[in-house]
Amino acid sequence: MLSLNSFALTQIYDKPIYKIDSVATSIKNFSLKENIDTLIIVPQTLQASEKTTLDKIFKALKYEEEKVKLVIHKEQALSFKFISNNFTQIKRILVYGLLPKDLQLNTLHYPDRIIELSNIQMLFTVSLEQLGNYPYKKWVWQQTKELFGV
């Protein structure tokens, strides 16, 4: 019987292959209100300029801030598996400055593109600090609007 490794499968199958790590994340005292349907995940505490940028983004999206939870990855290292298993109301995750592997998600990295897994849409892009000078910031904005259905 012929055995194929995962790289070989990606060469004959045109869809990305996803794997969710089996490592469970236990977070003490992490809870979400029921009305929260969006997570914004950033690597560390936001500087004033980054907070301003994020506020401008949500003002332009006209999205209710009560439906959004900001997660500092350095303080609460959530895995995708933990999120999808424990918070079924989450519809989208916007990740600034981290890679899929930082959420213990073993997937091909498509920066600045929406990916969907377990009925959760995710967008991984550069940090909020880098966003101002990012050459593809218009594309990121288009993808962000699509993520939020605007």
Foldseek 3Di string as FASTA:
>chain_A
DDDDDQVVVVVVDVDWDKDADPDAFDDPPDDADLLAAEEEEEQADDDPQLVVLVVVLCVVLVDDCSNYDYHHCPVGQAAPVNCVVPRVSHQEYEYEQDFNVSNRIPIDTDALAWDDDSNHIYHYYYHSVCLVVDPCNVSSSVRVSVNVVD
